[in-house]
Amino acid sequence: MLHGLTGWHLLIVLAVILLLFGAARLPALAQSVGKSARVFRGEIKAMKEEDAAGTPTPATGVADARVDGFTADPPSAR
């Protein structure tokens, strides 16, 4: 996966990031990335729990819903 990348490559990448963003902004950037990762993991966990509970997911498409020859309005998506 890394195809021959060494520790020196990582140091060079970190130095470039430090030069681009500056030392003052790095803690805020790291905090923002951490919060985003926590929200993402929480959403994934909620989706897994919802699937495990067996709650039906709303249908994205509506088959041709006809009632007595008239086309019914599709359900509203929430």
PDB file of N, CA and C in Angstrom:
ATOM      1  N   MET A   1       0.822  -1.190   0.000  1.00  0.00           N
ATOM      2  CA  MET A   1       0.000   0.000   0.000  1.00  0.00           C
ATOM      3  C   MET A   1       0.864   1.251   0.000  1.00  0.00           C
ATOM      4  N   LEU A   2       1.934   1.241   0.754  1.00  0.00           N
ATOM      5  CA  LEU A   2       2.773   2.435   0.824  1.00  0.00           C
ATOM      6  C   LEU A   2       3.840   2.449  -0.257  1.00  0.00           C
ATOM      7  N   HIS A   3       4.118   1.306  -0.887  1.00  0.00           N
ATOM      8  CA  HIS A   3       5.024   1.201  -2.025  1.00  0.00           C
ATOM      9  C   HIS A   3       6.364   1.886  -1.786  1.00  0.00           C
ATOM     10  N   GLY A   4       7.041   1.530  -0.730  1.00  0.00           N
ATOM     11  CA  GLY A   4       8.400   2.004  -0.512  1.00  0.00           C
ATOM     12  C   GLY A   4       8.523   3.350   0.183  1.00  0.00           C
ATOM     13  N   LEU A   5       7.468   3.854   0.778  1.00  0.00           N
ATOM     14  CA  LEU A   5       7.572   5.115   1.503  1.00  0.00           C
ATOM     15  C   LEU A   5       8.288   4.872   2.828  1.00  0.00           C
ATOM     16  N   THR A   6       9.171   5.781   3.175  1.00  0.00           N
ATOM     17  CA  THR A   6       9.942   5.627   4.404  1.00  0.00           C
ATOM     18  C   THR A   6       9.583   6.729   5.387  1.00  0.00           C
ATOM     19  N   GLY A   7      10.241   6.708   6.535  1.00  0.00           N
ATOM     20  CA  GLY A   7      10.025   7.736   7.544  1.00  0.00           C
ATOM     21  C   GLY A   7      10.397   9.127   7.050  1.00  0.00           C
ATOM     22  N   TRP A   8      11.393   9.189   6.160  1.00  0.00           N
ATOM     23  CA  TRP A   8      11.789  10.492   5.619  1.00  0.00           C
ATOM     24  C   TRP A   8      10.673  11.118   4.796  1.00  0.00           C
ATOM     25  N   HIS A   9       9.963  10.304   4.084  1.00  0.00           N
ATOM     26  CA  HIS A   9       8.840  10.825   3.299  1.00  0.00           C
ATOM     27  C   HIS A   9       7.788  11.443   4.211  1.00  0.00           C
ATOM     28  N   LEU A  10       7.510  10.776   5.313  1.00  0.00           N
ATOM     29  CA  LEU A  10       6.536  11.293   6.269  1.00  0.00           C
ATOM     30  C   LEU A  10       7.006  12.621   6.866  1.00  0.00           C
ATOM     31  N   LEU A  11       8.290  12.706   7.190  1.00  0.00           N
ATOM     32  CA  LEU A  11       8.832  13.955   7.731  1.00  0.00           C
ATOM     33  C   LEU A  11       8.730  15.099   6.725  1.00  0.00           C
ATOM     34  N   ILE A  12       8.984  14.809   5.469  1.00  0.00           N
ATOM     35  CA  ILE A  12       8.882  15.846   4.433  1.00  0.00           C
ATOM     36  C   ILE A  12       7.441  16.313   4.289  1.00  0.00           C
ATOM     37  N   VAL A  13       6.494  15.376   4.296  1.00  0.00           N
ATOM     38  CA  VAL A  13       5.072  15.736   4.190  1.00  0.00           C
ATOM     39  C   VAL A  13       4.653  16.588   5.386  1.00  0.00           C
ATOM     40  N   LEU A  14       5.077  16.210   6.585  1.00  0.00           N
ATOM     41  CA  LEU A  14       4.751  16.995   7.778  1.00  0.00           C
ATOM     42  C   LEU A  14       5.359  18.391   7.716  1.00  0.00           C
ATOM     43  N   ALA A  15       6.568  18.506   7.190  1.00  0.00           N
ATOM     44  CA  ALA A  15       7.209  19.821   7.062  1.00  0.00           C
ATOM     45  C   ALA A  15       6.452  20.700   6.072  1.00  0.00           C
ATOM     46  N   VAL A  16       5.999  20.120   4.981  1.00  0.00           N
ATOM     47  CA  VAL A  16       5.236  20.889   3.991  1.00  0.00           C
ATOM     48  C   VAL A  16       3.912  21.352   4.591  1.00  0.00           C
ATOM     49  N   ILE A  17       3.244  20.485   5.336  1.00  0.00           N
ATOM     50  CA  ILE A  17       1.986  20.870   5.986  1.00  0.00           C
ATOM     51  C   ILE A  17       2.229  21.998   6.978  1.00  0.00           C
ATOM     52  N   LEU A  18       3.310  21.893   7.732  1.00  0.00           N
ATOM     53  CA  LEU A  18       3.647  22.947   8.694  1.00  0.00           C
ATOM     54  C   LEU A  18       3.905  24.270   7.986  1.00  0.00           C
ATOM     55  N   LEU A  19       4.585  24.240   6.867  1.00  0.00           N
ATOM     56  CA  LEU A  19       4.848  25.469   6.116  1.00  0.00           C
ATOM     57  C   LEU A  19       3.578  26.055   5.506  1.00  0.00           C
ATOM     58  N   LEU A  20       2.686  25.186   5.036  1.00  0.00           N
ATOM     59  CA  LEU A  20       1.454  25.673   4.403  1.00  0.00           C
ATOM     60  C   LEU A  20       0.483  26.278   5.409  1.00  0.00           C
ATOM     61  N   PHE A  21       0.288  25.607   6.527  1.00  0.00           N
ATOM     62  CA  PHE A  21      -0.735  26.046   7.466  1.00  0.00           C
ATOM     63  C   PHE A  21      -0.194  26.866   8.623  1.00  0.00           C
ATOM     64  N   GLY A  22       1.071  26.743   8.930  1.00  0.00           N
ATOM     65  CA  GLY A  22       1.640  27.479  10.054  1.00  0.00           C
ATOM     66  C   GLY A  22       1.385  26.757  11.362  1.00  0.00           C
ATOM     67  N   ALA A  23       2.268  27.000  12.313  1.00  0.00           N
ATOM     68  CA  ALA A  23       2.195  26.301  13.593  1.00  0.00           C
ATOM     69  C   ALA A  23       0.971  26.715  14.409  1.00  0.00           C
ATOM     70  N   ALA A  24       0.499  27.937  14.245  1.00  0.00           N
ATOM     71  CA  ALA A  24      -0.623  28.428  15.042  1.00  0.00           C
ATOM     72  C   ALA A  24      -1.942  27.770  14.633  1.00  0.00           C
ATOM     73  N   ARG A  25      -2.090  27.426  13.370  1.00  0.00           N
ATOM     74  CA  ARG A  25      -3.362  26.881  12.892  1.00  0.00           C
ATOM     75  C   ARG A  25      -3.444  25.372  12.975  1.00  0.00           C
ATOM     76  N   LEU A  26      -2.329  24.689  13.187  1.00  0.00           N
ATOM     77  CA  LEU A  26      -2.348  23.227  13.214  1.00  0.00           C
ATOM     78  C   LEU A  26      -3.207  22.640  14.333  1.00  0.00           C
ATOM     79  N   PRO A  27      -3.162  23.174  15.580  1.00  0.00           N
ATOM     80  CA  PRO A  27      -4.041  22.603  16.610  1.00  0.00           C
ATOM     81  C   PRO A  27      -5.528  22.736  16.272  1.00  0.00           C
ATOM     82  N   ALA A  28      -5.917  23.869  15.718  1.00  0.00           N
ATOM     83  CA  ALA A  28      -7.322  24.057  15.334  1.00  0.00           C
ATOM     84  C   ALA A  28      -7.697  23.115  14.194  1.00  0.00           C
ATOM     85  N   LEU A  29      -6.776  22.915  13.268  1.00  0.00           N
ATOM     86  CA  LEU A  29      -7.021  22.011  12.154  1.00  0.00           C
ATOM     87  C   LEU A  29      -7.172  20.573  12.658  1.00  0.00           C
ATOM     88  N   ALA A  30      -6.303  20.157  13.575  1.00  0.00           N
ATOM     89  CA  ALA A  30      -6.375  18.810  14.130  1.00  0.00           C
ATOM     90  C   ALA A  30      -7.667  18.618  14.931  1.00  0.00           C
ATOM     91  N   GLN A  31      -8.079  19.638  15.664  1.00  0.00           N
ATOM     92  CA  GLN A  31      -9.318  19.553  16.443  1.00  0.00           C
ATOM     93  C   GLN A  31     -10.524  19.418  15.512  1.00  0.00           C
ATOM     94  N   SER A  32     -10.517  20.156  14.430  1.00  0.00           N
ATOM     95  CA  SER A  32     -11.610  20.087  13.472  1.00  0.00           C
ATOM     96  C   SER A  32     -11.693  18.711  12.828  1.00  0.00           C
ATOM     97  N   VAL A  33     -10.548  18.154  12.462  1.00  0.00           N
ATOM     98  CA  VAL A  33     -10.532  16.821  11.866  1.00  0.00           C
ATOM     99  C   VAL A  33     -11.020  15.785  12.874  1.00  0.00           C
ATOM    100  N   GLY A  34     -10.628  15.930  14.137  1.00  0.00           N
ATOM    101  CA  GLY A  34     -11.063  15.005  15.175  1.00  0.00           C
ATOM    102  C   GLY A  34     -12.560  15.050  15.394  1.00  0.00           C
ATOM    103  N   LYS A  35     -13.125  16.257  15.421  1.00  0.00           N
ATOM    104  CA  LYS A  35     -14.578  16.388  15.593  1.00  0.00           C
ATOM    105  C   LYS A  35     -15.320  15.775  14.413  1.00  0.00           C
ATOM    106  N   SER A  36     -14.814  15.998  13.215  1.00  0.00           N
ATOM    107  CA  SER A  36     -15.456  15.436  12.029  1.00  0.00           C
ATOM    108  C   SER A  36     -15.426  13.915  12.068  1.00  0.00           C
ATOM    109  N   ALA A  37     -14.307  13.351  12.499  1.00  0.00           N
ATOM    110  CA  ALA A  37     -14.191  11.894  12.585  1.00  0.00           C
ATOM    111  C   ALA A  37     -15.152  11.338  13.628  1.00  0.00           C
ATOM    112  N   ARG A  38     -15.307  12.025  14.763  1.00  0.00           N
ATOM    113  CA  ARG A  38     -16.239  11.557  15.795  1.00  0.00           C
ATOM    114  C   ARG A  38     -17.679  11.593  15.291  1.00  0.00           C
ATOM    115  N   VAL A  39     -18.048  12.652  14.585  1.00  0.00           N
ATOM    116  CA  VAL A  39     -19.406  12.746  14.039  1.00  0.00           C
ATOM    117  C   VAL A  39     -19.635  11.637  13.020  1.00  0.00           C
ATOM    118  N   PHE A  40     -18.646  11.405  12.173  1.00  0.00           N
ATOM    119  CA  PHE A  40     -18.763  10.366  11.155  1.00  0.00           C
ATOM    120  C   PHE A  40     -18.935   8.991  11.798  1.00  0.00           C
ATOM    121  N   ARG A  41     -18.111   8.671  12.806  1.00  0.00           N
ATOM    122  CA  ARG A  41     -18.222   7.387  13.496  1.00  0.00           C
ATOM    123  C   ARG A  41     -19.571   7.252  14.200  1.00  0.00           C
ATOM    124  N   GLY A  42     -20.065   8.341  14.773  1.00  0.00           N
ATOM    125  CA  GLY A  42     -21.368   8.303  15.427  1.00  0.00           C
ATOM    126  C   GLY A  42     -22.489   8.016  14.446  1.00  0.00           C
ATOM    127  N   GLU A  43     -22.416   8.620  13.270  1.00  0.00           N
ATOM    128  CA  GLU A  43     -23.436   8.376  12.249  1.00  0.00           C
ATOM    129  C   GLU A  43     -23.383   6.940  11.748  1.00  0.00           C
ATOM    130  N   ILE A  44     -22.184   6.420  11.562  1.00  0.00           N
ATOM    131  CA  ILE A  44     -22.039   5.029  11.117  1.00  0.00           C
ATOM    132  C   ILE A  44     -22.613   4.089  12.173  1.00  0.00           C
ATOM    133  N   LYS A  45     -22.324   4.361  13.444  1.00  0.00           N
ATOM    134  CA  LYS A  45     -22.841   3.520  14.534  1.00  0.00           C
ATOM    135  C   LYS A  45     -24.368   3.569  14.566  1.00  0.00           C
ATOM    136  N   ALA A  46     -24.934   4.766  14.380  1.00  0.00           N
ATOM    137  CA  ALA A  46     -26.389   4.909  14.383  1.00  0.00           C
ATOM    138  C   ALA A  46     -27.009   4.143  13.217  1.00  0.00           C
ATOM    139  N   MET A  47     -26.359   4.178  12.064  1.00  0.00           N
ATOM    140  CA  MET A  47     -26.878   3.450  10.905  1.00  0.00           C
ATOM    141  C   MET A  47     -26.846   1.945  11.153  1.00  0.00           C
ATOM    142  N   LYS A  48     -25.755   1.455  11.783  1.00  0.00           N
ATOM    143  CA  LYS A  48     -25.664   0.024  12.076  1.00  0.00           C
ATOM    144  C   LYS A  48     -26.723  -0.392  13.077  1.00  0.00           C
ATOM    145  N   GLU A  49     -26.959   0.437  14.105  1.00  0.00           N
ATOM    146  CA  GLU A  49     -27.986   0.124  15.094  1.00  0.00           C
ATOM    147  C   GLU A  49     -29.373   0.122  14.462  1.00  0.00           C
ATOM    148  N   GLU A  50     -29.598   1.055  13.547  1.00  0.00           N
ATOM    149  CA  GLU A  50     -30.889   1.123  12.868  1.00  0.00           C
ATOM    150  C   GLU A  50     -31.106  -0.117  12.012  1.00  0.00           C
ATOM    151  N   ASP A  51     -30.064  -0.556  11.324  1.00  0.00           N
ATOM    152  CA  ASP A  51     -30.178  -1.767  10.515  1.00  0.00           C
ATOM    153  C   ASP A  51     -30.389  -2.996  11.390  1.00  0.00           C
ATOM    154  N   ALA A  52     -29.719  -3.038  12.535  1.00  0.00           N
ATOM    155  CA  ALA A  52     -29.853  -4.187  13.432  1.00  0.00           C
ATOM    156  C   ALA A  52     -31.250  -4.251  14.039  1.00  0.00           C
ATOM    157  N   ALA A  53     -31.863  -3.092  14.258  1.00  0.00           N
ATOM    158  CA  ALA A  53     -33.194  -3.056  14.843  1.00  0.00           C
ATOM    159  C   ALA A  53     -34.255  -3.505  13.842  1.00  0.00           C
ATOM    160  N   GLY A  54     -33.907  -3.522  12.565  1.00  0.00           N
ATOM    161  CA  GLY A  54     -34.840  -4.001  11.551  1.00  0.00           C
ATOM    162  C   GLY A  54     -35.848  -2.959  11.121  1.00  0.00           C
ATOM    163  N   THR A  55     -35.578  -1.692  11.380  1.00  0.00           N
ATOM    164  CA  THR A  55     -36.503  -0.657  10.934  1.00  0.00           C
ATOM    165  C   THR A  55     -36.400  -0.530   9.431  1.00  0.00           C
ATOM    166  N   PRO A  56     -37.521  -0.465   8.776  1.00  0.00           N
ATOM    167  CA  PRO A  56     -37.484  -0.349   7.316  1.00  0.00           C
ATOM    168  C   PRO A  56     -36.975   1.021   6.897  1.00  0.00           C
ATOM    169  N   THR A  57     -36.210   1.012   5.855  1.00  0.00           N
ATOM    170  CA  THR A  57     -35.719   2.276   5.317  1.00  0.00           C
ATOM    171  C   THR A  57     -36.733   2.791   4.307  1.00  0.00           C
ATOM    172  N   PRO A  58     -36.876   4.103   4.187  1.00  0.00           N
ATOM    173  CA  PRO A  58     -37.849   4.641   3.241  1.00  0.00           C
ATOM    174  C   PRO A  58     -37.431   4.322   1.805  1.00  0.00           C
ATOM    175  N   ALA A  59     -38.413   4.025   0.987  1.00  0.00           N
ATOM    176  CA  ALA A  59     -38.148   3.705  -0.408  1.00  0.00           C
ATOM    177  C   ALA A  59     -37.755   4.964  -1.162  1.00  0.00           C
ATOM    178  N   THR A  60     -36.762   4.822  -2.022  1.00  0.00           N
ATOM    179  CA  THR A  60     -36.329   5.986  -2.787  1.00  0.00           C
ATOM    180  C   THR A  60     -37.176   6.160  -4.036  1.00  0.00           C
ATOM    181  N   GLY A  61     -37.636   5.081  -4.592  1.00  0.00           N
ATOM    182  CA  GLY A  61     -38.475   5.179  -5.781  1.00  0.00           C
ATOM    183  C   GLY A  61     -39.863   4.658  -5.480  1.00  0.00           C
ATOM    184  N   VAL A  62     -40.831   5.165  -6.197  1.00  0.00           N
ATOM    185  CA  VAL A  62     -42.208   4.734  -5.981  1.00  0.00           C
ATOM    186  C   VAL A  62     -42.653   3.999  -7.230  1.00  0.00           C
ATOM    187  N   ALA A  63     -43.093   2.766  -7.048  1.00  0.00           N
ATOM    188  CA  ALA A  63     -43.627   2.005  -8.172  1.00  0.00           C
ATOM    189  C   ALA A  63     -44.927   2.665  -8.615  1.00  0.00           C
ATOM    190  N   ASP A  64     -45.359   2.318  -9.761  1.00  0.00           N
ATOM    191  CA  ASP A  64     -46.574   2.900 -10.323  1.00  0.00           C
ATOM    192  C   ASP A  64     -47.751   2.624  -9.390  1.00  0.00           C
ATOM    193  N   ALA A  65     -48.077   3.595  -8.541  1.00  0.00           N
ATOM    194  CA  ALA A  65     -49.136   3.433  -7.541  1.00  0.00           C
ATOM    195  C   ALA A  65     -50.456   3.903  -8.133  1.00  0.00           C
ATOM    196  N   ARG A  66     -51.318   2.936  -8.434  1.00  0.00           N
ATOM    197  CA  ARG A  66     -52.613   3.279  -9.021  1.00  0.00           C
ATOM    198  C   ARG A  66     -53.726   2.824  -8.098  1.00  0.00           C
ATOM    199  N   VAL A  67     -54.694   3.702  -7.942  1.00  0.00           N
ATOM    200  CA  VAL A  67     -55.862   3.388  -7.132  1.00  0.00           C
ATOM    201  C   VAL A  67     -57.078   3.651  -8.002  1.00  0.00           C
ATOM    202  N   ASP A  68     -57.811   2.581  -8.297  1.00  0.00           N
ATOM    203  CA  ASP A  68     -59.029   2.670  -9.127  1.00  0.00           C
ATOM    204  C   ASP A  68     -58.777   3.408 -10.440  1.00  0.00           C
ATOM    205  N   GLY A  69     -57.643   3.138 -11.079  1.00  0.00           N
ATOM    206  CA  GLY A  69     -57.376   3.735 -12.372  1.00  0.00           C
ATOM    207  C   GLY A  69     -56.747   5.116 -12.304  1.00  0.00           C
ATOM    208  N   PHE A  70     -56.655   5.700 -11.135  1.00  0.00           N
ATOM    209  CA  PHE A  70     -56.035   7.017 -10.997  1.00  0.00           C
ATOM    210  C   PHE A  70     -54.648   6.847 -10.381  1.00  0.00           C
ATOM    211  N   THR A  71     -53.736   7.664 -10.797  1.00  0.00           N
ATOM    212  CA  THR A  71     -52.386   7.620 -10.232  1.00  0.00           C
ATOM    213  C   THR A  71     -52.383   8.368  -8.926  1.00  0.00           C
ATOM    214  N   ALA A  72     -51.923   7.703  -7.869  1.00  0.00           N
ATOM    215  CA  ALA A  72     -51.874   8.330  -6.544  1.00  0.00           C
ATOM    216  C   ALA A  72     -50.620   9.192  -6.427  1.00  0.00           C
ATOM    217  N   ASP A  73     -50.690  10.207  -5.617  1.00  0.00           N
ATOM    218  CA  ASP A  73     -49.522  11.043  -5.363  1.00  0.00           C
ATOM    219  C   ASP A  73     -48.477  10.233  -4.620  1.00  0.00           C
ATOM    220  N   PRO A  74     -47.190  10.385  -4.973  1.00  0.00           N
ATOM    221  CA  PRO A  74     -46.155   9.654  -4.238  1.00  0.00           C
ATOM    222  C   PRO A  74     -46.025  10.188  -2.814  1.00  0.00           C
ATOM    223  N   PRO A  75     -45.592   9.351  -1.875  1.00  0.00           N
ATOM    224  CA  PRO A  75     -45.443   9.822  -0.495  1.00  0.00           C
ATOM    225  C   PRO A  75     -44.350  10.868  -0.409  1.00  0.00           C
ATOM    226  N   SER A  76     -44.523  11.810   0.513  1.00  0.00           N
ATOM    227  CA  SER A  76     -43.521  12.868   0.636  1.00  0.00           C
ATOM    228  C   SER A  76     -42.300  12.314   1.335  1.00  0.00           C
ATOM    229  N   ALA A  77     -41.136  12.702   0.824  1.00  0.00           N
ATOM    230  CA  ALA A  77     -39.858  12.249   1.409  1.00  0.00           C
ATOM    231  C   ALA A  77     -39.466  13.198   2.522  1.00  0.00           C
ATOM    232  N   ARG A  78     -39.123  12.649   3.657  1.00  0.00           N
ATOM    233  CA  ARG A  78     -38.716  13.489   4.785  1.00  0.00           C
ATOM    234  C   ARG A  78     -37.273  13.335   5.057  1.00  0.00           C
TER     235      ARG A  78
END
